[in-house]
Amino acid sequence: MSDLLTFLRTAGHPAALTVLARCLPDGLRRLSGRRLGLSTARTADGPIVLTLFASARTLFPPAPDAPAGLAPALDRVRDLPVRRALVAIGLDAARDEPAFSVGLVRGRPPSR
């Protein structure tokens, strides 16, 4: 977690861990021990926007329906033959709330 904090500070978003701690179920413990990816994007005159990626299966192993609480649109595809792949958490230094999205791939629907 300290490596992530160092990167977030360098990218100009030191409050991102606080935002994640507040918005994730179980706070930062939810990220502990998980393989995480990080993407950065920036417009010419804007701040760096970060996106944190994690596997939906490993991020929410005991609660497969938890991503639906973060991305309510998932309820609309509940009965389609898809499975959750990656959770992307958008972190914008100009906003105090993350943006959650969940990637879907063709497959069996998640068990209920």
PDB file of N, CA and C in Angstrom:
ATOM      1  N   MET A   1       0.817  -1.192   0.000  1.00  0.00           N
ATOM      2  CA  MET A   1       0.000   0.000   0.000  1.00  0.00           C
ATOM      3  C   MET A   1       0.865   1.261   0.000  1.00  0.00           C
ATOM      4  N   SER A   2       2.040   1.172   0.612  1.00  0.00           N
ATOM      5  CA  SER A   2       2.901   2.353   0.645  1.00  0.00           C
ATOM      6  C   SER A   2       3.407   2.710  -0.757  1.00  0.00           C
ATOM      7  N   ASP A   3       3.649   1.690  -1.609  1.00  0.00           N
ATOM      8  CA  ASP A   3       4.056   1.969  -2.988  1.00  0.00           C
ATOM      9  C   ASP A   3       2.947   2.706  -3.732  1.00  0.00           C
ATOM     10  N   LEU A   4       1.715   2.286  -3.498  1.00  0.00           N
ATOM     11  CA  LEU A   4       0.574   2.936  -4.148  1.00  0.00           C
ATOM     12  C   LEU A   4       0.454   4.383  -3.666  1.00  0.00           C
ATOM     13  N   LEU A   5       0.616   4.601  -2.380  1.00  0.00           N
ATOM     14  CA  LEU A   5       0.538   5.955  -1.839  1.00  0.00           C
ATOM     15  C   LEU A   5       1.622   6.850  -2.446  1.00  0.00           C
ATOM     16  N   THR A   6       2.829   6.330  -2.565  1.00  0.00           N
ATOM     17  CA  THR A   6       3.923   7.100  -3.164  1.00  0.00           C
ATOM     18  C   THR A   6       3.568   7.492  -4.599  1.00  0.00           C
ATOM     19  N   PHE A   7       3.034   6.541  -5.365  1.00  0.00           N
ATOM     20  CA  PHE A   7       2.647   6.840  -6.745  1.00  0.00           C
ATOM     21  C   PHE A   7       1.539   7.884  -6.784  1.00  0.00           C
ATOM     22  N   LEU A   8       0.540   7.735  -5.928  1.00  0.00           N
ATOM     23  CA  LEU A   8      -0.580   8.682  -5.921  1.00  0.00           C
ATOM     24  C   LEU A   8      -0.105  10.091  -5.585  1.00  0.00           C
ATOM     25  N   ARG A   9       0.813  10.206  -4.657  1.00  0.00           N
ATOM     26  CA  ARG A   9       1.367  11.528  -4.320  1.00  0.00           C
ATOM     27  C   ARG A   9       2.115  12.116  -5.510  1.00  0.00           C
ATOM     28  N   THR A  10       2.922  11.299  -6.155  1.00  0.00           N
ATOM     29  CA  THR A  10       3.695  11.757  -7.309  1.00  0.00           C
ATOM     30  C   THR A  10       2.779  12.182  -8.453  1.00  0.00           C
ATOM     31  N   ALA A  11       1.670  11.479  -8.627  1.00  0.00           N
ATOM     32  CA  ALA A  11       0.725  11.793  -9.698  1.00  0.00           C
ATOM     33  C   ALA A  11      -0.166  12.985  -9.359  1.00  0.00           C
ATOM     34  N   GLY A  12      -0.029  13.525  -8.157  1.00  0.00           N
ATOM     35  CA  GLY A  12      -0.809  14.697  -7.779  1.00  0.00           C
ATOM     36  C   GLY A  12      -2.165  14.379  -7.186  1.00  0.00           C
ATOM     37  N   HIS A  13      -2.322  13.170  -6.672  1.00  0.00           N
ATOM     38  CA  HIS A  13      -3.607  12.781  -6.090  1.00  0.00           C
ATOM     39  C   HIS A  13      -3.395  12.096  -4.734  1.00  0.00           C
ATOM     40  N   PRO A  14      -2.809  12.809  -3.771  1.00  0.00           N
ATOM     41  CA  PRO A  14      -2.528  12.189  -2.478  1.00  0.00           C
ATOM     42  C   PRO A  14      -3.775  11.797  -1.703  1.00  0.00           C
ATOM     43  N   ALA A  15      -4.917  12.394  -2.015  1.00  0.00           N
ATOM     44  CA  ALA A  15      -6.150  12.070  -1.288  1.00  0.00           C
ATOM     45  C   ALA A  15      -6.839  10.823  -1.816  1.00  0.00           C
ATOM     46  N   ALA A  16      -6.307  10.198  -2.862  1.00  0.00           N
ATOM     47  CA  ALA A  16      -6.975   9.045  -3.469  1.00  0.00           C
ATOM     48  C   ALA A  16      -7.149   7.891  -2.484  1.00  0.00           C
ATOM     49  N   LEU A  17      -6.169   7.637  -1.634  1.00  0.00           N
ATOM     50  CA  LEU A  17      -6.322   6.544  -0.665  1.00  0.00           C
ATOM     51  C   LEU A  17      -7.450   6.833   0.313  1.00  0.00           C
ATOM     52  N   THR A  18      -7.597   8.088   0.698  1.00  0.00           N
ATOM     53  CA  THR A  18      -8.702   8.461   1.588  1.00  0.00           C
ATOM     54  C   THR A  18     -10.036   8.236   0.892  1.00  0.00           C
ATOM     55  N   VAL A  19     -10.117   8.604  -0.388  1.00  0.00           N
ATOM     56  CA  VAL A  19     -11.340   8.398  -1.170  1.00  0.00           C
ATOM     57  C   VAL A  19     -11.646   6.908  -1.262  1.00  0.00           C
ATOM     58  N   LEU A  20     -10.639   6.095  -1.558  1.00  0.00           N
ATOM     59  CA  LEU A  20     -10.850   4.646  -1.654  1.00  0.00           C
ATOM     60  C   LEU A  20     -11.245   4.054  -0.309  1.00  0.00           C
ATOM     61  N   ALA A  21     -10.603   4.490   0.751  1.00  0.00           N
ATOM     62  CA  ALA A  21     -10.919   3.973   2.084  1.00  0.00           C
ATOM     63  C   ALA A  21     -12.372   4.244   2.445  1.00  0.00           C
ATOM     64  N   ARG A  22     -12.881   5.380   2.019  1.00  0.00           N
ATOM     65  CA  ARG A  22     -14.253   5.758   2.341  1.00  0.00           C
ATOM     66  C   ARG A  22     -15.274   5.032   1.452  1.00  0.00           C
ATOM     67  N   CYS A  23     -14.924   4.744   0.217  1.00  0.00           N
ATOM     68  CA  CYS A  23     -15.911   4.261  -0.746  1.00  0.00           C
ATOM     69  C   CYS A  23     -15.921   2.752  -0.971  1.00  0.00           C
ATOM     70  N   LEU A  24     -14.859   2.065  -0.631  1.00  0.00           N
ATOM     71  CA  LEU A  24     -14.819   0.622  -0.845  1.00  0.00           C
ATOM     72  C   LEU A  24     -15.374  -0.127   0.363  1.00  0.00           C
ATOM     73  N   PRO A  25     -16.088  -1.215   0.122  1.00  0.00           N
ATOM     74  CA  PRO A  25     -16.473  -2.057   1.260  1.00  0.00           C
ATOM     75  C   PRO A  25     -15.188  -2.519   1.958  1.00  0.00           C
ATOM     76  N   ASP A  26     -15.122  -2.440   3.229  1.00  0.00           N
ATOM     77  CA  ASP A  26     -13.939  -2.790   4.027  1.00  0.00           C
ATOM     78  C   ASP A  26     -12.782  -1.819   3.841  1.00  0.00           C
ATOM     79  N   GLY A  27     -13.004  -0.689   3.195  1.00  0.00           N
ATOM     80  CA  GLY A  27     -11.954   0.306   3.024  1.00  0.00           C
ATOM     81  C   GLY A  27     -10.751  -0.227   2.272  1.00  0.00           C
ATOM     82  N   LEU A  28      -9.573   0.190   2.674  1.00  0.00           N
ATOM     83  CA  LEU A  28      -8.347  -0.191   1.972  1.00  0.00           C
ATOM     84  C   LEU A  28      -8.000  -1.658   2.133  1.00  0.00           C
ATOM     85  N   ARG A  29      -8.549  -2.305   3.158  1.00  0.00           N
ATOM     86  CA  ARG A  29      -8.312  -3.744   3.308  1.00  0.00           C
ATOM     87  C   ARG A  29      -8.790  -4.503   2.085  1.00  0.00           C
ATOM     88  N   ARG A  30      -9.772  -3.954   1.384  1.00  0.00           N
ATOM     89  CA  ARG A  30     -10.297  -4.594   0.178  1.00  0.00           C
ATOM     90  C   ARG A  30      -9.211  -4.715  -0.888  1.00  0.00           C
ATOM     91  N   LEU A  31      -8.243  -3.799  -0.898  1.00  0.00           N
ATOM     92  CA  LEU A  31      -7.181  -3.821  -1.903  1.00  0.00           C
ATOM     93  C   LEU A  31      -5.955  -4.612  -1.464  1.00  0.00           C
ATOM     94  N   SER A  32      -5.825  -4.836  -0.177  1.00  0.00           N
ATOM     95  CA  SER A  32      -4.647  -5.488   0.367  1.00  0.00           C
ATOM     96  C   SER A  32      -4.479  -6.895  -0.202  1.00  0.00           C
ATOM     97  N   GLY A  33      -3.274  -7.188  -0.667  1.00  0.00           N
ATOM     98  CA  GLY A  33      -2.960  -8.517  -1.178  1.00  0.00           C
ATOM     99  C   GLY A  33      -3.512  -8.799  -2.568  1.00  0.00           C
ATOM    100  N   ARG A  34      -4.113  -7.830  -3.202  1.00  0.00           N
ATOM    101  CA  ARG A  34      -4.681  -8.021  -4.542  1.00  0.00           C
ATOM    102  C   ARG A  34      -3.689  -7.542  -5.593  1.00  0.00           C
ATOM    103  N   ARG A  35      -3.736  -8.177  -6.755  1.00  0.00           N
ATOM    104  CA  ARG A  35      -2.967  -7.672  -7.898  1.00  0.00           C
ATOM    105  C   ARG A  35      -3.736  -6.498  -8.464  1.00  0.00           C
ATOM    106  N   LEU A  36      -3.088  -5.373  -8.524  1.00  0.00           N
ATOM    107  CA  LEU A  36      -3.726  -4.149  -8.988  1.00  0.00           C
ATOM    108  C   LEU A  36      -3.012  -3.622 -10.220  1.00  0.00           C
ATOM    109  N   GLY A  37      -3.769  -2.996 -11.090  1.00  0.00           N
ATOM    110  CA  GLY A  37      -3.202  -2.288 -12.229  1.00  0.00           C
ATOM    111  C   GLY A  37      -3.549  -0.824 -12.091  1.00  0.00           C
ATOM    112  N   LEU A  38      -2.792   0.009 -12.741  1.00  0.00           N
ATOM    113  CA  LEU A  38      -3.042   1.436 -12.652  1.00  0.00           C
ATOM    114  C   LEU A  38      -2.801   2.049 -14.023  1.00  0.00           C
ATOM    115  N   SER A  39      -3.751   2.844 -14.449  1.00  0.00           N
ATOM    116  CA  SER A  39      -3.652   3.553 -15.719  1.00  0.00           C
ATOM    117  C   SER A  39      -3.683   5.041 -15.426  1.00  0.00           C
ATOM    118  N   THR A  40      -2.919   5.801 -16.205  1.00  0.00           N
ATOM    119  CA  THR A  40      -2.924   7.249 -16.052  1.00  0.00           C
ATOM    120  C   THR A  40      -3.320   7.892 -17.372  1.00  0.00           C
ATOM    121  N   ALA A  41      -4.046   8.984 -17.293  1.00  0.00           N
ATOM    122  CA  ALA A  41      -4.432   9.747 -18.475  1.00  0.00           C
ATOM    123  C   ALA A  41      -4.373  11.220 -18.117  1.00  0.00           C
ATOM    124  N   ARG A  42      -4.075  12.020 -19.114  1.00  0.00           N
ATOM    125  CA  ARG A  42      -3.990  13.459 -18.846  1.00  0.00           C
ATOM    126  C   ARG A  42      -4.256  14.224 -20.135  1.00  0.00           C
ATOM    127  N   THR A  43      -5.062  15.253 -20.018  1.00  0.00           N
ATOM    128  CA  THR A  43      -5.219  16.164 -21.137  1.00  0.00           C
ATOM    129  C   THR A  43      -4.120  17.207 -21.033  1.00  0.00           C
ATOM    130  N   ALA A  44      -3.960  18.004 -22.048  1.00  0.00           N
ATOM    131  CA  ALA A  44      -2.867  18.975 -22.081  1.00  0.00           C
ATOM    132  C   ALA A  44      -2.894  19.936 -20.901  1.00  0.00           C
ATOM    133  N   ASP A  45      -4.082  20.336 -20.466  1.00  0.00           N
ATOM    134  CA  ASP A  45      -4.153  21.337 -19.400  1.00  0.00           C
ATOM    135  C   ASP A  45      -4.824  20.826 -18.126  1.00  0.00           C
ATOM    136  N   GLY A  46      -5.084  19.533 -18.053  1.00  0.00           N
ATOM    137  CA  GLY A  46      -5.805  19.003 -16.904  1.00  0.00           C
ATOM    138  C   GLY A  46      -4.921  18.209 -15.968  1.00  0.00           C
ATOM    139  N   PRO A  47      -5.483  17.817 -14.822  1.00  0.00           N
ATOM    140  CA  PRO A  47      -4.736  16.988 -13.879  1.00  0.00           C
ATOM    141  C   PRO A  47      -4.640  15.550 -14.397  1.00  0.00           C
ATOM    142  N   ILE A  48      -3.785  14.786 -13.809  1.00  0.00           N
ATOM    143  CA  ILE A  48      -3.672  13.368 -14.142  1.00  0.00           C
ATOM    144  C   ILE A  48      -4.894  12.656 -13.568  1.00  0.00           C
ATOM    145  N   VAL A  49      -5.556  11.883 -14.404  1.00  0.00           N
ATOM    146  CA  VAL A  49      -6.692  11.069 -13.977  1.00  0.00           C
ATOM    147  C   VAL A  49      -6.193   9.632 -13.897  1.00  0.00           C
ATOM    148  N   LEU A  50      -6.444   8.992 -12.780  1.00  0.00           N
ATOM    149  CA  LEU A  50      -5.974   7.632 -12.546  1.00  0.00           C
ATOM    150  C   LEU A  50      -7.130   6.648 -12.604  1.00  0.00           C
ATOM    151  N   THR A  51      -6.838   5.457 -13.077  1.00  0.00           N
ATOM    152  CA  THR A  51      -7.808   4.369 -13.013  1.00  0.00           C
ATOM    153  C   THR A  51      -7.111   3.163 -12.413  1.00  0.00           C
ATOM    154  N   LEU A  52      -7.660   2.673 -11.337  1.00  0.00           N
ATOM    155  CA  LEU A  52      -7.145   1.504 -10.647  1.00  0.00           C
ATOM    156  C   LEU A  52      -7.935   0.298 -11.134  1.00  0.00           C
ATOM    157  N   PHE A  53      -7.243  -0.784 -11.524  1.00  0.00           N
ATOM    158  CA  PHE A  53      -7.890  -1.985 -12.029  1.00  0.00           C
ATOM    159  C   PHE A  53      -7.637  -3.156 -11.098  1.00  0.00           C
ATOM    160  N   ALA A  54      -8.656  -3.987 -10.925  1.00  0.00           N
ATOM    161  CA  ALA A  54      -8.512  -5.217 -10.163  1.00  0.00           C
ATOM    162  C   ALA A  54      -9.512  -6.227 -10.703  1.00  0.00           C
ATOM    163  N   SER A  55      -9.197  -7.481 -10.561  1.00  0.00           N
ATOM    164  CA  SER A  55     -10.100  -8.541 -10.977  1.00  0.00           C
ATOM    165  C   SER A  55     -11.346  -8.516 -10.097  1.00  0.00           C
ATOM    166  N   ALA A  56     -12.516  -8.548 -10.726  1.00  0.00           N
ATOM    167  CA  ALA A  56     -13.762  -8.553  -9.952  1.00  0.00           C
ATOM    168  C   ALA A  56     -13.828  -9.789  -9.059  1.00  0.00           C
ATOM    169  N   ARG A  57     -13.341 -10.915  -9.549  1.00  0.00           N
ATOM    170  CA  ARG A  57     -13.398 -12.154  -8.773  1.00  0.00           C
ATOM    171  C   ARG A  57     -12.517 -12.080  -7.534  1.00  0.00           C
ATOM    172  N   THR A  58     -11.315 -11.497  -7.662  1.00  0.00           N
ATOM    173  CA  THR A  58     -10.439 -11.434  -6.495  1.00  0.00           C
ATOM    174  C   THR A  58     -10.762 -10.241  -5.599  1.00  0.00           C
ATOM    175  N   LEU A  59     -11.324  -9.185  -6.167  1.00  0.00           N
ATOM    176  CA  LEU A  59     -11.649  -8.016  -5.356  1.00  0.00           C
ATOM    177  C   LEU A  59     -12.861  -8.267  -4.471  1.00  0.00           C
ATOM    178  N   PHE A  60     -13.783  -9.101  -4.950  1.00  0.00           N
ATOM    179  CA  PHE A  60     -15.010  -9.375  -4.195  1.00  0.00           C
ATOM    180  C   PHE A  60     -15.279 -10.879  -4.099  1.00  0.00           C
ATOM    181  N   PRO A  61     -14.317 -11.680  -3.619  1.00  0.00           N
ATOM    182  CA  PRO A  61     -14.536 -13.124  -3.603  1.00  0.00           C
ATOM    183  C   PRO A  61     -15.699 -13.593  -2.730  1.00  0.00           C
ATOM    184  N   PRO A  62     -15.874 -13.061  -1.514  1.00  0.00           N
ATOM    185  CA  PRO A  62     -16.967 -13.576  -0.704  1.00  0.00           C
ATOM    186  C   PRO A  62     -18.324 -12.951  -1.039  1.00  0.00           C
ATOM    187  N   ALA A  63     -18.318 -11.921  -1.861  1.00  0.00           N
ATOM    188  CA  ALA A  63     -19.555 -11.198  -2.151  1.00  0.00           C
ATOM    189  C   ALA A  63     -19.629 -10.882  -3.646  1.00  0.00           C
ATOM    190  N   PRO A  64     -19.956 -11.886  -4.486  1.00  0.00           N
ATOM    191  CA  PRO A  64     -19.943 -11.650  -5.926  1.00  0.00           C
ATOM    192  C   PRO A  64     -20.932 -10.586  -6.389  1.00  0.00           C
ATOM    193  N   ASP A  65     -21.937 -10.259  -5.587  1.00  0.00           N
ATOM    194  CA  ASP A  65     -22.886  -9.221  -5.986  1.00  0.00           C
ATOM    195  C   ASP A  65     -22.445  -7.828  -5.539  1.00  0.00           C
ATOM    196  N   ALA A  66     -21.339  -7.719  -4.820  1.00  0.00           N
ATOM    197  CA  ALA A  66     -20.874  -6.413  -4.345  1.00  0.00           C
ATOM    198  C   ALA A  66     -20.600  -5.427  -5.475  1.00  0.00           C
ATOM    199  N   PRO A  67     -20.047  -5.858  -6.617  1.00  0.00           N
ATOM    200  CA  PRO A  67     -19.838  -4.869  -7.680  1.00  0.00           C
ATOM    201  C   PRO A  67     -21.127  -4.191  -8.129  1.00  0.00           C
ATOM    202  N   ALA A  68     -22.256  -4.872  -8.014  1.00  0.00           N
ATOM    203  CA  ALA A  68     -23.534  -4.249  -8.403  1.00  0.00           C
ATOM    204  C   ALA A  68     -23.842  -3.064  -7.506  1.00  0.00           C
ATOM    205  N   GLY A  69     -23.387  -3.091  -6.257  1.00  0.00           N
ATOM    206  CA  GLY A  69     -23.584  -1.950  -5.373  1.00  0.00           C
ATOM    207  C   GLY A  69     -22.740  -0.753  -5.788  1.00  0.00           C
ATOM    208  N   LEU A  70     -21.596  -1.032  -6.422  1.00  0.00           N
ATOM    209  CA  LEU A  70     -20.721   0.039  -6.875  1.00  0.00           C
ATOM    210  C   LEU A  70     -21.121   0.549  -8.262  1.00  0.00           C
ATOM    211  N   ALA A  71     -21.606  -0.346  -9.105  1.00  0.00           N
ATOM    212  CA  ALA A  71     -22.027   0.001 -10.468  1.00  0.00           C
ATOM    213  C   ALA A  71     -23.445  -0.542 -10.663  1.00  0.00           C
ATOM    214  N   PRO A  72     -24.462   0.207 -10.224  1.00  0.00           N
ATOM    215  CA  PRO A  72     -25.845  -0.290 -10.229  1.00  0.00           C
ATOM    216  C   PRO A  72     -26.351  -0.762 -11.593  1.00  0.00           C
ATOM    217  N   ALA A  73     -25.771  -0.304 -12.675  1.00  0.00           N
ATOM    218  CA  ALA A  73     -26.225  -0.746 -13.996  1.00  0.00           C
ATOM    219  C   ALA A  73     -26.041  -2.252 -14.185  1.00  0.00           C
ATOM    220  N   LEU A  74     -25.209  -2.882 -13.357  1.00  0.00           N
ATOM    221  CA  LEU A  74     -25.013  -4.326 -13.466  1.00  0.00           C
ATOM    222  C   LEU A  74     -26.303  -5.102 -13.212  1.00  0.00           C
ATOM    223  N   ASP A  75     -27.206  -4.541 -12.443  1.00  0.00           N
ATOM    224  CA  ASP A  75     -28.478  -5.225 -12.200  1.00  0.00           C
ATOM    225  C   ASP A  75     -29.238  -5.473 -13.497  1.00  0.00           C
ATOM    226  N   ARG A  76     -29.055  -4.604 -14.486  1.00  0.00           N
ATOM    227  CA  ARG A  76     -29.771  -4.752 -15.754  1.00  0.00           C
ATOM    228  C   ARG A  76     -29.235  -5.901 -16.589  1.00  0.00           C
ATOM    229  N   VAL A  77     -28.028  -6.344 -16.339  1.00  0.00           N
ATOM    230  CA  VAL A  77     -27.462  -7.448 -17.120  1.00  0.00           C
ATOM    231  C   VAL A  77     -27.353  -8.730 -16.301  1.00  0.00           C
ATOM    232  N   ARG A  78     -28.003  -8.751 -15.171  1.00  0.00           N
ATOM    233  CA  ARG A  78     -27.909  -9.896 -14.253  1.00  0.00           C
ATOM    234  C   ARG A  78     -28.234 -11.226 -14.922  1.00  0.00           C
ATOM    235  N   ASP A  79     -29.230 -11.259 -15.810  1.00  0.00           N
ATOM    236  CA  ASP A  79     -29.660 -12.514 -16.408  1.00  0.00           C
ATOM    237  C   ASP A  79     -29.015 -12.802 -17.764  1.00  0.00           C
ATOM    238  N   LEU A  80     -28.121 -11.960 -18.205  1.00  0.00           N
ATOM    239  CA  LEU A  80     -27.417 -12.201 -19.468  1.00  0.00           C
ATOM    240  C   LEU A  80     -26.238 -13.138 -19.235  1.00  0.00           C
ATOM    241  N   PRO A  81     -25.825 -13.869 -20.260  1.00  0.00           N
ATOM    242  CA  PRO A  81     -24.698 -14.802 -20.104  1.00  0.00           C
ATOM    243  C   PRO A  81     -23.354 -14.069 -20.120  1.00  0.00           C
ATOM    244  N   VAL A  82     -23.092 -13.308 -19.073  1.00  0.00           N
ATOM    245  CA  VAL A  82     -21.840 -12.567 -18.937  1.00  0.00           C
ATOM    246  C   VAL A  82     -21.271 -12.811 -17.548  1.00  0.00           C
ATOM    247  N   ARG A  83     -19.984 -12.588 -17.444  1.00  0.00           N
ATOM    248  CA  ARG A  83     -19.359 -12.617 -16.121  1.00  0.00           C
ATOM    249  C   ARG A  83     -18.560 -11.345 -15.946  1.00  0.00           C
ATOM    250  N   ARG A  84     -18.354 -10.984 -14.707  1.00  0.00           N
ATOM    251  CA  ARG A  84     -17.600  -9.769 -14.393  1.00  0.00           C
ATOM    252  C   ARG A  84     -16.120 -10.061 -14.552  1.00  0.00           C
ATOM    253  N   ALA A  85     -15.408  -9.150 -15.191  1.00  0.00           N
ATOM    254  CA  ALA A  85     -13.984  -9.361 -15.444  1.00  0.00           C
ATOM    255  C   ALA A  85     -13.141  -8.432 -14.581  1.00  0.00           C
ATOM    256  N   LEU A  86     -13.041  -7.171 -14.968  1.00  0.00           N
ATOM    257  CA  LEU A  86     -12.236  -6.205 -14.228  1.00  0.00           C
ATOM    258  C   LEU A  86     -13.106  -5.110 -13.634  1.00  0.00           C
ATOM    259  N   VAL A  87     -12.735  -4.699 -12.459  1.00  0.00           N
ATOM    260  CA  VAL A  87     -13.330  -3.518 -11.850  1.00  0.00           C
ATOM    261  C   VAL A  87     -12.352  -2.379 -12.092  1.00  0.00           C
ATOM    262  N   ALA A  88     -12.854  -1.285 -12.641  1.00  0.00           N
ATOM    263  CA  ALA A  88     -12.031  -0.093 -12.865  1.00  0.00           C
ATOM    264  C   ALA A  88     -12.546   1.000 -11.939  1.00  0.00           C
ATOM    265  N   ILE A  89     -11.645   1.588 -11.197  1.00  0.00           N
ATOM    266  CA  ILE A  89     -11.997   2.644 -10.249  1.00  0.00           C
ATOM    267  C   ILE A  89     -11.304   3.922 -10.704  1.00  0.00           C
ATOM    268  N   GLY A  90     -12.083   4.839 -11.253  1.00  0.00           N
ATOM    269  CA  GLY A  90     -11.535   6.104 -11.735  1.00  0.00           C
ATOM    270  C   GLY A  90     -11.338   7.078 -10.598  1.00  0.00           C
ATOM    271  N   LEU A  91     -10.154   7.651 -10.517  1.00  0.00           N
ATOM    272  CA  LEU A  91      -9.795   8.584  -9.449  1.00  0.00           C
ATOM    273  C   LEU A  91      -9.345   9.896 -10.079  1.00  0.00           C
ATOM    274  N   ASP A  92     -10.136  10.915  -9.892  1.00  0.00           N
ATOM    275  CA  ASP A  92      -9.857  12.235 -10.452  1.00  0.00           C
ATOM    276  C   ASP A  92      -9.573  13.173  -9.284  1.00  0.00           C
ATOM    277  N   ALA A  93      -8.409  13.815  -9.294  1.00  0.00           N
ATOM    278  CA  ALA A  93      -8.030  14.692  -8.188  1.00  0.00           C
ATOM    279  C   ALA A  93      -9.007  15.839  -7.996  1.00  0.00           C
ATOM    280  N   ALA A  94      -9.754  16.183  -9.036  1.00  0.00           N
ATOM    281  CA  ALA A  94     -10.709  17.287  -8.940  1.00  0.00           C
ATOM    282  C   ALA A  94     -12.039  16.844  -8.332  1.00  0.00           C
ATOM    283  N   ARG A  95     -12.223  15.555  -8.136  1.00  0.00           N
ATOM    284  CA  ARG A  95     -13.476  15.035  -7.568  1.00  0.00           C
ATOM    285  C   ARG A  95     -13.180  14.267  -6.297  1.00  0.00           C
ATOM    286  N   ASP A  96     -14.131  14.270  -5.392  1.00  0.00           N
ATOM    287  CA  ASP A  96     -13.969  13.579  -4.116  1.00  0.00           C
ATOM    288  C   ASP A  96     -14.626  12.200  -4.127  1.00  0.00           C
ATOM    289  N   GLU A  97     -15.138  11.781  -5.276  1.00  0.00           N
ATOM    290  CA  GLU A  97     -15.793  10.484  -5.404  1.00  0.00           C
ATOM    291  C   GLU A  97     -15.162   9.716  -6.561  1.00  0.00           C
ATOM    292  N   PRO A  98     -14.936   8.417  -6.391  1.00  0.00           N
ATOM    293  CA  PRO A  98     -14.419   7.630  -7.508  1.00  0.00           C
ATOM    294  C   PRO A  98     -15.545   7.283  -8.485  1.00  0.00           C
ATOM    295  N   ALA A  99     -15.168   6.916  -9.684  1.00  0.00           N
ATOM    296  CA  ALA A  99     -16.118   6.426 -10.680  1.00  0.00           C
ATOM    297  C   ALA A  99     -15.841   4.936 -10.860  1.00  0.00           C
ATOM    298  N   PHE A 100     -16.845   4.105 -10.625  1.00  0.00           N
ATOM    299  CA  PHE A 100     -16.677   2.659 -10.729  1.00  0.00           C
ATOM    300  C   PHE A 100     -17.252   2.153 -12.044  1.00  0.00           C
ATOM    301  N   SER A 101     -16.532   1.246 -12.666  1.00  0.00           N
ATOM    302  CA  SER A 101     -17.083   0.530 -13.815  1.00  0.00           C
ATOM    303  C   SER A 101     -16.625  -0.916 -13.709  1.00  0.00           C
ATOM    304  N   VAL A 102     -17.411  -1.789 -14.294  1.00  0.00           N
ATOM    305  CA  VAL A 102     -17.111  -3.212 -14.241  1.00  0.00           C
ATOM    306  C   VAL A 102     -17.144  -3.750 -15.661  1.00  0.00           C
ATOM    307  N   GLY A 103     -16.033  -4.325 -16.085  1.00  0.00           N
ATOM    308  CA  GLY A 103     -15.958  -4.913 -17.415  1.00  0.00           C
ATOM    309  C   GLY A 103     -16.666  -6.255 -17.431  1.00  0.00           C
ATOM    310  N   LEU A 104     -17.356  -6.523 -18.524  1.00  0.00           N
ATOM    311  CA  LEU A 104     -18.095  -7.776 -18.677  1.00  0.00           C
ATOM    312  C   LEU A 104     -17.551  -8.546 -19.862  1.00  0.00           C
ATOM    313  N   VAL A 105     -17.491  -9.858 -19.727  1.00  0.00           N
ATOM    314  CA  VAL A 105     -17.096 -10.722 -20.835  1.00  0.00           C
ATOM    315  C   VAL A 105     -18.144 -11.807 -20.986  1.00  0.00           C
ATOM    316  N   ARG A 106     -18.235 -12.321 -22.209  1.00  0.00           N
ATOM    317  CA  ARG A 106     -19.224 -13.375 -22.478  1.00  0.00           C
ATOM    318  C   ARG A 106     -18.868 -14.601 -21.640  1.00  0.00           C
ATOM    319  N   GLY A 107     -19.873 -15.204 -21.074  1.00  0.00           N
ATOM    320  CA  GLY A 107     -19.673 -16.390 -20.248  1.00  0.00           C
ATOM    321  C   GLY A 107     -20.946 -16.709 -19.512  1.00  0.00           C
ATOM    322  N   ARG A 108     -20.837 -17.547 -18.546  1.00  0.00           N
ATOM    323  CA  ARG A 108     -22.003 -17.887 -17.740  1.00  0.00           C
ATOM    324  C   ARG A 108     -22.342 -16.732 -16.813  1.00  0.00           C
ATOM    325  N   PRO A 109     -23.629 -16.506 -16.563  1.00  0.00           N
ATOM    326  CA  PRO A 109     -23.969 -15.469 -15.606  1.00  0.00           C
ATOM    327  C   PRO A 109     -23.483 -15.851 -14.218  1.00  0.00           C
ATOM    328  N   PRO A 110     -23.170 -14.869 -13.394  1.00  0.00           N
ATOM    329  CA  PRO A 110     -22.723 -15.178 -12.033  1.00  0.00           C
ATOM    330  C   PRO A 110     -23.800 -15.919 -11.264  1.00  0.00           C
ATOM    331  N   SER A 111     -23.386 -16.848 -10.441  1.00  0.00           N
ATOM    332  CA  SER A 111     -24.365 -17.576  -9.620  1.00  0.00           C
ATOM    333  C   SER A 111     -24.882 -16.656  -8.524  1.00  0.00           C
ATOM    334  N   ARG A 112     -26.102 -16.875  -8.157  1.00  0.00           N
ATOM    335  CA  ARG A 112     -26.714 -16.028  -7.123  1.00  0.00           C
ATOM    336  C   ARG A 112     -26.720 -16.685  -5.792  1.00  0.00           C
TER     337      ARG A 112
END
